[in-house]
């Protein structure tokens, strides 16, 4: 059986960002509080709640880009392989 991490990484590699973020946002270990918040906002933005975050002044496109950077840094950088 695959771990949640393996499943999330595989989804991310397959281009299923929404599904990958739905898993990554539940992680408590390995991410800072700020990174978890970014992943949460990006995940919720991709599931149809971007309007709410835009109303309160959050750039959802930027958060989605930043979430990709966080995942790449944590799971695909040369330091972790």
PDB file of N, CA and C in Angstrom:
ATOM      1  N   UNK A   1       0.842  -1.194   0.000  1.00  0.00           N
ATOM      2  CA  UNK A   1       0.000   0.000   0.000  1.00  0.00           C
ATOM      3  C   UNK A   1       0.880   1.248   0.000  1.00  0.00           C
ATOM      4  N   UNK A   2       0.512   2.196  -0.817  1.00  0.00           N
ATOM      5  CA  UNK A   2       1.273   3.434  -0.907  1.00  0.00           C
ATOM      6  C   UNK A   2       0.927   4.363   0.246  1.00  0.00           C
ATOM      7  N   UNK A   3       1.908   5.153   0.630  1.00  0.00           N
ATOM      8  CA  UNK A   3       1.667   6.134   1.686  1.00  0.00           C
ATOM      9  C   UNK A   3       0.960   7.349   1.101  1.00  0.00           C
ATOM     10  N   UNK A   4       0.435   8.179   1.987  1.00  0.00           N
ATOM     11  CA  UNK A   4      -0.198   9.422   1.524  1.00  0.00           C
ATOM     12  C   UNK A   4       0.803  10.277   0.761  1.00  0.00           C
ATOM     13  N   UNK A   5       2.027  10.308   1.257  1.00  0.00           N
ATOM     14  CA  UNK A   5       3.062  11.112   0.601  1.00  0.00           C
ATOM     15  C   UNK A   5       3.314  10.611  -0.813  1.00  0.00           C
ATOM     16  N   UNK A   6       3.476   9.295  -0.955  1.00  0.00           N
ATOM     17  CA  UNK A   6       3.718   8.722  -2.282  1.00  0.00           C
ATOM     18  C   UNK A   6       2.558   9.013  -3.232  1.00  0.00           C
ATOM     19  N   UNK A   7       1.350   8.888  -2.727  1.00  0.00           N
ATOM     20  CA  UNK A   7       0.166   9.143  -3.549  1.00  0.00           C
ATOM     21  C   UNK A   7       0.112  10.609  -3.977  1.00  0.00           C
ATOM     22  N   UNK A   8       0.370  11.520  -3.042  1.00  0.00           N
ATOM     23  CA  UNK A   8       0.329  12.949  -3.347  1.00  0.00           C
ATOM     24  C   UNK A   8       1.412  13.335  -4.346  1.00  0.00           C
ATOM     25  N   UNK A   9       2.612  12.791  -4.158  1.00  0.00           N
ATOM     26  CA  UNK A   9       3.715  13.083  -5.082  1.00  0.00           C
ATOM     27  C   UNK A   9       3.383  12.568  -6.476  1.00  0.00           C
ATOM     28  N   UNK A  10       2.831  11.364  -6.567  1.00  0.00           N
ATOM     29  CA  UNK A  10       2.457  10.781  -7.863  1.00  0.00           C
ATOM     30  C   UNK A  10       1.389  11.632  -8.555  1.00  0.00           C
ATOM     31  N   UNK A  11       0.392  12.080  -7.798  1.00  0.00           N
ATOM     32  CA  UNK A  11      -0.643  12.946  -8.370  1.00  0.00           C
ATOM     33  C   UNK A  11      -0.035  14.244  -8.882  1.00  0.00           C
ATOM     34  N   UNK A  12       0.874  14.828  -8.101  1.00  0.00           N
ATOM     35  CA  UNK A  12       1.534  16.069  -8.496  1.00  0.00           C
ATOM     36  C   UNK A  12       2.317  15.858  -9.791  1.00  0.00           C
ATOM     37  N   UNK A  13       3.059  14.765  -9.880  1.00  0.00           N
ATOM     38  CA  UNK A  13       3.841  14.462 -11.073  1.00  0.00           C
ATOM     39  C   UNK A  13       2.945  14.239 -12.286  1.00  0.00           C
ATOM     40  N   UNK A  14       1.750  13.736 -12.057  1.00  0.00           N
ATOM     41  CA  UNK A  14       0.807  13.462 -13.144  1.00  0.00           C
ATOM     42  C   UNK A  14       0.051  14.706 -13.586  1.00  0.00           C
ATOM     43  N   UNK A  15       0.277  15.814 -12.900  1.00  0.00           N
ATOM     44  CA  UNK A  15      -0.400  17.051 -13.261  1.00  0.00           C
ATOM     45  C   UNK A  15      -1.738  17.247 -12.579  1.00  0.00           C
ATOM     46  N   UNK A  16      -2.048  16.415 -11.615  1.00  0.00           N
ATOM     47  CA  UNK A  16      -3.314  16.516 -10.877  1.00  0.00           C
ATOM     48  C   UNK A  16      -3.096  17.378  -9.634  1.00  0.00           C
ATOM     49  N   UNK A  17      -2.875  18.663  -9.849  1.00  0.00           N
ATOM     50  CA  UNK A  17      -2.520  19.559  -8.754  1.00  0.00           C
ATOM     51  C   UNK A  17      -3.617  19.644  -7.706  1.00  0.00           C
ATOM     52  N   UNK A  18      -4.862  19.765  -8.141  1.00  0.00           N
ATOM     53  CA  UNK A  18      -5.972  19.886  -7.195  1.00  0.00           C
ATOM     54  C   UNK A  18      -6.026  18.688  -6.254  1.00  0.00           C
ATOM     55  N   UNK A  19      -5.908  17.492  -6.800  1.00  0.00           N
ATOM     56  CA  UNK A  19      -5.969  16.279  -5.998  1.00  0.00           C
ATOM     57  C   UNK A  19      -4.742  16.155  -5.095  1.00  0.00           C
ATOM     58  N   UNK A  20      -3.567  16.519  -5.618  1.00  0.00           N
ATOM     59  CA  UNK A  20      -2.333  16.457  -4.825  1.00  0.00           C
ATOM     60  C   UNK A  20      -2.401  17.428  -3.652  1.00  0.00           C
ATOM     61  N   UNK A  21      -2.877  18.649  -3.906  1.00  0.00           N
ATOM     62  CA  UNK A  21      -2.971  19.639  -2.835  1.00  0.00           C
ATOM     63  C   UNK A  21      -3.984  19.229  -1.770  1.00  0.00           C
ATOM     64  N   UNK A  22      -5.031  18.531  -2.188  1.00  0.00           N
ATOM     65  CA  UNK A  22      -6.021  18.058  -1.209  1.00  0.00           C
ATOM     66  C   UNK A  22      -5.358  17.140  -0.183  1.00  0.00           C
ATOM     67  N   UNK A  23      -4.335  16.409  -0.606  1.00  0.00           N
ATOM     68  CA  UNK A  23      -3.608  15.535   0.320  1.00  0.00           C
ATOM     69  C   UNK A  23      -2.535  16.325   1.065  1.00  0.00           C
ATOM     70  N   UNK A  24      -1.716  17.072   0.329  1.00  0.00           N
ATOM     71  CA  UNK A  24      -0.619  17.809   0.959  1.00  0.00           C
ATOM     72  C   UNK A  24      -1.110  18.772   2.043  1.00  0.00           C
ATOM     73  N   UNK A  25      -2.265  19.356   1.847  1.00  0.00           N
ATOM     74  CA  UNK A  25      -2.754  20.334   2.829  1.00  0.00           C
ATOM     75  C   UNK A  25      -3.106  19.707   4.176  1.00  0.00           C
ATOM     76  N   UNK A  26      -3.237  18.383   4.206  1.00  0.00           N
ATOM     77  CA  UNK A  26      -3.548  17.707   5.469  1.00  0.00           C
ATOM     78  C   UNK A  26      -2.297  17.384   6.273  1.00  0.00           C
ATOM     79  N   UNK A  27      -1.116  17.537   5.664  1.00  0.00           N
ATOM     80  CA  UNK A  27       0.130  17.198   6.340  1.00  0.00           C
ATOM     81  C   UNK A  27       0.430  18.211   7.430  1.00  0.00           C
ATOM     82  N   UNK A  28       0.874  17.721   8.573  1.00  0.00           N
ATOM     83  CA  UNK A  28       1.247  18.596   9.691  1.00  0.00           C
ATOM     84  C   UNK A  28       2.761  18.652   9.859  1.00  0.00           C
ATOM     85  N   UNK A  29       3.438  17.580   9.503  1.00  0.00           N
ATOM     86  CA  UNK A  29       4.884  17.500   9.683  1.00  0.00           C
ATOM     87  C   UNK A  29       5.582  17.798   8.355  1.00  0.00           C
ATOM     88  N   UNK A  30       6.656  18.560   8.426  1.00  0.00           N
ATOM     89  CA  UNK A  30       7.443  18.831   7.231  1.00  0.00           C
ATOM     90  C   UNK A  30       7.148  20.159   6.574  1.00  0.00           C
ATOM     91  N   UNK A  31       6.100  20.825   7.016  1.00  0.00           N
ATOM     92  CA  UNK A  31       5.745  22.134   6.464  1.00  0.00           C
ATOM     93  C   UNK A  31       5.644  23.144   7.601  1.00  0.00           C
ATOM     94  N   UNK A  32       6.059  24.376   7.328  1.00  0.00           N
ATOM     95  CA  UNK A  32       5.887  25.436   8.322  1.00  0.00           C
ATOM     96  C   UNK A  32       4.421  25.842   8.350  1.00  0.00           C
ATOM     97  N   UNK A  33       4.048  26.618   9.336  1.00  0.00           N
ATOM     98  CA  UNK A  33       2.669  27.105   9.439  1.00  0.00           C
ATOM     99  C   UNK A  33       2.302  27.919   8.191  1.00  0.00           C
ATOM    100  N   UNK A  34       3.231  28.740   7.733  1.00  0.00           N
ATOM    101  CA  UNK A  34       2.987  29.568   6.544  1.00  0.00           C
ATOM    102  C   UNK A  34       2.825  28.702   5.295  1.00  0.00           C
ATOM    103  N   UNK A  35       3.648  27.666   5.176  1.00  0.00           N
ATOM    104  CA  UNK A  35       3.547  26.768   4.023  1.00  0.00           C
ATOM    105  C   UNK A  35       2.227  26.007   4.045  1.00  0.00           C
ATOM    106  N   UNK A  36       1.802  25.549   5.208  1.00  0.00           N
ATOM    107  CA  UNK A  36       0.511  24.848   5.310  1.00  0.00           C
ATOM    108  C   UNK A  36      -0.631  25.775   4.904  1.00  0.00           C
ATOM    109  N   UNK A  37      -0.556  27.029   5.316  1.00  0.00           N
ATOM    110  CA  UNK A  37      -1.593  28.013   4.955  1.00  0.00           C
ATOM    111  C   UNK A  37      -1.615  28.241   3.439  1.00  0.00           C
ATOM    112  N   UNK A  38      -0.448  28.340   2.839  1.00  0.00           N
ATOM    113  CA  UNK A  38      -0.360  28.510   1.384  1.00  0.00           C
ATOM    114  C   UNK A  38      -0.984  27.315   0.669  1.00  0.00           C
ATOM    115  N   UNK A  39      -0.654  26.108   1.115  1.00  0.00           N
ATOM    116  CA  UNK A  39      -1.219  24.907   0.504  1.00  0.00           C
ATOM    117  C   UNK A  39      -2.736  24.863   0.670  1.00  0.00           C
ATOM    118  N   UNK A  40      -3.213  25.286   1.829  1.00  0.00           N
ATOM    119  CA  UNK A  40      -4.655  25.297   2.078  1.00  0.00           C
ATOM    120  C   UNK A  40      -5.366  26.281   1.145  1.00  0.00           C
ATOM    121  N   UNK A  41      -4.840  27.483   1.042  1.00  0.00           N
ATOM    122  CA  UNK A  41      -5.467  28.497   0.180  1.00  0.00           C
ATOM    123  C   UNK A  41      -5.444  28.042  -1.276  1.00  0.00           C
ATOM    124  N   UNK A  42      -4.307  27.503  -1.721  1.00  0.00           N
ATOM    125  CA  UNK A  42      -4.203  27.030  -3.106  1.00  0.00           C
ATOM    126  C   UNK A  42      -5.202  25.907  -3.364  1.00  0.00           C
ATOM    127  N   UNK A  43      -5.302  24.972  -2.434  1.00  0.00           N
ATOM    128  CA  UNK A  43      -6.229  23.859  -2.588  1.00  0.00           C
ATOM    129  C   UNK A  43      -7.676  24.349  -2.660  1.00  0.00           C
ATOM    130  N   UNK A  44      -8.034  25.229  -1.750  1.00  0.00           N
ATOM    131  CA  UNK A  44      -9.403  25.748  -1.742  1.00  0.00           C
ATOM    132  C   UNK A  44      -9.690  26.598  -2.978  1.00  0.00           C
ATOM    133  N   UNK A  45      -8.687  27.301  -3.464  1.00  0.00           N
ATOM    134  CA  UNK A  45      -8.870  28.106  -4.677  1.00  0.00           C
ATOM    135  C   UNK A  45      -9.163  27.219  -5.881  1.00  0.00           C
ATOM    136  N   UNK A  46      -8.491  26.085  -5.952  1.00  0.00           N
ATOM    137  CA  UNK A  46      -8.691  25.169  -7.077  1.00  0.00           C
ATOM    138  C   UNK A  46     -10.010  24.407  -6.991  1.00  0.00           C
ATOM    139  N   UNK A  47     -10.622  24.389  -5.802  1.00  0.00           N
ATOM    140  CA  UNK A  47     -11.901  23.681  -5.667  1.00  0.00           C
ATOM    141  C   UNK A  47     -13.091  24.637  -5.713  1.00  0.00           C
ATOM    142  N   UNK A  48     -12.856  25.854  -6.161  1.00  0.00           N
ATOM    143  CA  UNK A  48     -13.967  26.769  -6.397  1.00  0.00           C
ATOM    144  C   UNK A  48     -14.147  27.888  -5.400  1.00  0.00           C
ATOM    145  N   UNK A  49     -13.239  28.047  -4.449  1.00  0.00           N
ATOM    146  CA  UNK A  49     -13.379  29.106  -3.457  1.00  0.00           C
ATOM    147  C   UNK A  49     -12.434  30.284  -3.687  1.00  0.00           C
ATOM    148  N   UNK A  50     -11.920  30.411  -4.899  1.00  0.00           N
ATOM    149  CA  UNK A  50     -10.966  31.494  -5.168  1.00  0.00           C
ATOM    150  C   UNK A  50     -11.605  32.863  -4.990  1.00  0.00           C
ATOM    151  N   UNK A  51     -12.888  32.976  -5.283  1.00  0.00           N
ATOM    152  CA  UNK A  51     -13.586  34.258  -5.145  1.00  0.00           C
ATOM    153  C   UNK A  51     -13.520  34.814  -3.734  1.00  0.00           C
ATOM    154  N   UNK A  52     -13.665  33.943  -2.742  1.00  0.00           N
ATOM    155  CA  UNK A  52     -13.598  34.370  -1.350  1.00  0.00           C
ATOM    156  C   UNK A  52     -12.230  34.966  -1.035  1.00  0.00           C
ATOM    157  N   UNK A  53     -11.177  34.250  -1.404  1.00  0.00           N
ATOM    158  CA  UNK A  53      -9.830  34.730  -1.100  1.00  0.00           C
ATOM    159  C   UNK A  53      -9.508  36.010  -1.864  1.00  0.00           C
ATOM    160  N   UNK A  54      -9.994  36.120  -3.090  1.00  0.00           N
ATOM    161  CA  UNK A  54      -9.770  37.340  -3.868  1.00  0.00           C
ATOM    162  C   UNK A  54     -10.491  38.523  -3.229  1.00  0.00           C
ATOM    163  N   UNK A  55     -11.656  38.283  -2.657  1.00  0.00           N
ATOM    164  CA  UNK A  55     -12.400  39.351  -1.988  1.00  0.00           C
ATOM    165  C   UNK A  55     -11.661  39.896  -0.776  1.00  0.00           C
ATOM    166  N   UNK A  56     -10.903  39.035  -0.108  1.00  0.00           N
ATOM    167  CA  UNK A  56     -10.167  39.514   1.069  1.00  0.00           C
ATOM    168  C   UNK A  56      -8.730  39.910   0.718  1.00  0.00           C
ATOM    169  N   UNK A  57      -8.450  40.037  -0.583  1.00  0.00           N
ATOM    170  CA  UNK A  57      -7.179  40.596  -1.025  1.00  0.00           C
ATOM    171  C   UNK A  57      -6.041  39.604  -1.213  1.00  0.00           C
ATOM    172  N   UNK A  58      -6.339  38.333  -1.326  1.00  0.00           N
ATOM    173  CA  UNK A  58      -5.288  37.340  -1.529  1.00  0.00           C
ATOM    174  C   UNK A  58      -5.212  36.988  -3.015  1.00  0.00           C
ATOM    175  N   UNK A  59      -3.999  37.034  -3.543  1.00  0.00           N
ATOM    176  CA  UNK A  59      -3.750  36.688  -4.945  1.00  0.00           C
ATOM    177  C   UNK A  59      -3.701  35.159  -5.059  1.00  0.00           C
ATOM    178  N   UNK A  60      -4.804  34.566  -5.486  1.00  0.00           N
ATOM    179  CA  UNK A  60      -4.894  33.102  -5.513  1.00  0.00           C
ATOM    180  C   UNK A  60      -3.947  32.488  -6.543  1.00  0.00           C
ATOM    181  N   UNK A  61      -3.744  33.151  -7.668  1.00  0.00           N
ATOM    182  CA  UNK A  61      -2.812  32.621  -8.664  1.00  0.00           C
ATOM    183  C   UNK A  61      -1.406  32.538  -8.087  1.00  0.00           C
ATOM    184  N   UNK A  62      -1.030  33.555  -7.330  1.00  0.00           N
ATOM    185  CA  UNK A  62       0.280  33.572  -6.682  1.00  0.00           C
ATOM    186  C   UNK A  62       0.394  32.448  -5.661  1.00  0.00           C
ATOM    187  N   UNK A  63      -0.668  32.206  -4.910  1.00  0.00           N
ATOM    188  CA  UNK A  63      -0.666  31.141  -3.911  1.00  0.00           C
ATOM    189  C   UNK A  63      -0.548  29.763  -4.566  1.00  0.00           C
ATOM    190  N   UNK A  64      -1.201  29.589  -5.700  1.00  0.00           N
ATOM    191  CA  UNK A  64      -1.115  28.314  -6.419  1.00  0.00           C
ATOM    192  C   UNK A  64       0.310  28.104  -6.923  1.00  0.00           C
ATOM    193  N   UNK A  65       0.919  29.152  -7.482  1.00  0.00           N
ATOM    194  CA  UNK A  65       2.308  29.061  -7.948  1.00  0.00           C
ATOM    195  C   UNK A  65       3.240  28.760  -6.779  1.00  0.00           C
ATOM    196  N   UNK A  66       3.021  29.444  -5.662  1.00  0.00           N
ATOM    197  CA  UNK A  66       3.874  29.250  -4.492  1.00  0.00           C
ATOM    198  C   UNK A  66       3.726  27.826  -3.944  1.00  0.00           C
ATOM    199  N   UNK A  67       2.512  27.284  -3.990  1.00  0.00           N
ATOM    200  CA  UNK A  67       2.305  25.919  -3.499  1.00  0.00           C
ATOM    201  C   UNK A  67       3.083  24.920  -4.350  1.00  0.00           C
ATOM    202  N   UNK A  68       3.125  25.143  -5.659  1.00  0.00           N
ATOM    203  CA  UNK A  68       3.915  24.278  -6.538  1.00  0.00           C
ATOM    204  C   UNK A  68       5.386  24.355  -6.163  1.00  0.00           C
ATOM    205  N   UNK A  69       5.868  25.569  -5.903  1.00  0.00           N
ATOM    206  CA  UNK A  69       7.273  25.752  -5.526  1.00  0.00           C
ATOM    207  C   UNK A  69       7.589  25.030  -4.217  1.00  0.00           C
ATOM    208  N   UNK A  70       6.677  25.112  -3.250  1.00  0.00           N
ATOM    209  CA  UNK A  70       6.879  24.452  -1.954  1.00  0.00           C
ATOM    210  C   UNK A  70       6.998  22.939  -2.149  1.00  0.00           C
ATOM    211  N   UNK A  71       6.098  22.367  -2.932  1.00  0.00           N
ATOM    212  CA  UNK A  71       6.111  20.915  -3.147  1.00  0.00           C
ATOM    213  C   UNK A  71       7.375  20.493  -3.894  1.00  0.00           C
ATOM    214  N   UNK A  72       7.747  21.247  -4.912  1.00  0.00           N
ATOM    215  CA  UNK A  72       8.966  20.919  -5.664  1.00  0.00           C
ATOM    216  C   UNK A  72      10.183  20.995  -4.751  1.00  0.00           C
ATOM    217  N   UNK A  73      10.240  22.027  -3.924  1.00  0.00           N
ATOM    218  CA  UNK A  73      11.372  22.186  -3.013  1.00  0.00           C
ATOM    219  C   UNK A  73      11.450  21.034  -2.011  1.00  0.00           C
ATOM    220  N   UNK A  74      10.303  20.633  -1.465  1.00  0.00           N
ATOM    221  CA  UNK A  74      10.278  19.592  -0.429  1.00  0.00           C
ATOM    222  C   UNK A  74      10.504  18.187  -0.976  1.00  0.00           C
ATOM    223  N   UNK A  75       9.977  17.901  -2.151  1.00  0.00           N
ATOM    224  CA  UNK A  75       9.963  16.520  -2.626  1.00  0.00           C
ATOM    225  C   UNK A  75      10.771  16.249  -3.893  1.00  0.00           C
ATOM    226  N   UNK A  76      11.228  17.294  -4.575  1.00  0.00           N
ATOM    227  CA  UNK A  76      11.922  17.074  -5.842  1.00  0.00           C
ATOM    228  C   UNK A  76      13.290  17.737  -5.928  1.00  0.00           C
ATOM    229  N   UNK A  77      13.722  18.391  -4.865  1.00  0.00           N
ATOM    230  CA  UNK A  77      15.038  19.014  -4.906  1.00  0.00           C
ATOM    231  C   UNK A  77      16.113  17.939  -4.760  1.00  0.00           C
ATOM    232  N   UNK A  78      17.299  18.218  -5.237  1.00  0.00           N
ATOM    233  CA  UNK A  78      18.404  17.249  -5.193  1.00  0.00           C
ATOM    234  C   UNK A  78      18.783  16.875  -3.775  1.00  0.00           C
ATOM    235  N   UNK A  79      18.512  17.756  -2.811  1.00  0.00           N
ATOM    236  CA  UNK A  79      18.884  17.492  -1.426  1.00  0.00           C
ATOM    237  C   UNK A  79      18.110  16.324  -0.829  1.00  0.00           C
ATOM    238  N   UNK A  80      16.908  16.065  -1.328  1.00  0.00           N
ATOM    239  CA  UNK A  80      16.043  15.038  -0.742  1.00  0.00           C
ATOM    240  C   UNK A  80      16.026  13.746  -1.527  1.00  0.00           C
ATOM    241  N   UNK A  81      16.880  13.626  -2.513  1.00  0.00           N
ATOM    242  CA  UNK A  81      16.868  12.403  -3.329  1.00  0.00           C
ATOM    243  C   UNK A  81      18.112  11.587  -3.137  1.00  0.00           C
TER     244      UNK A  81
END
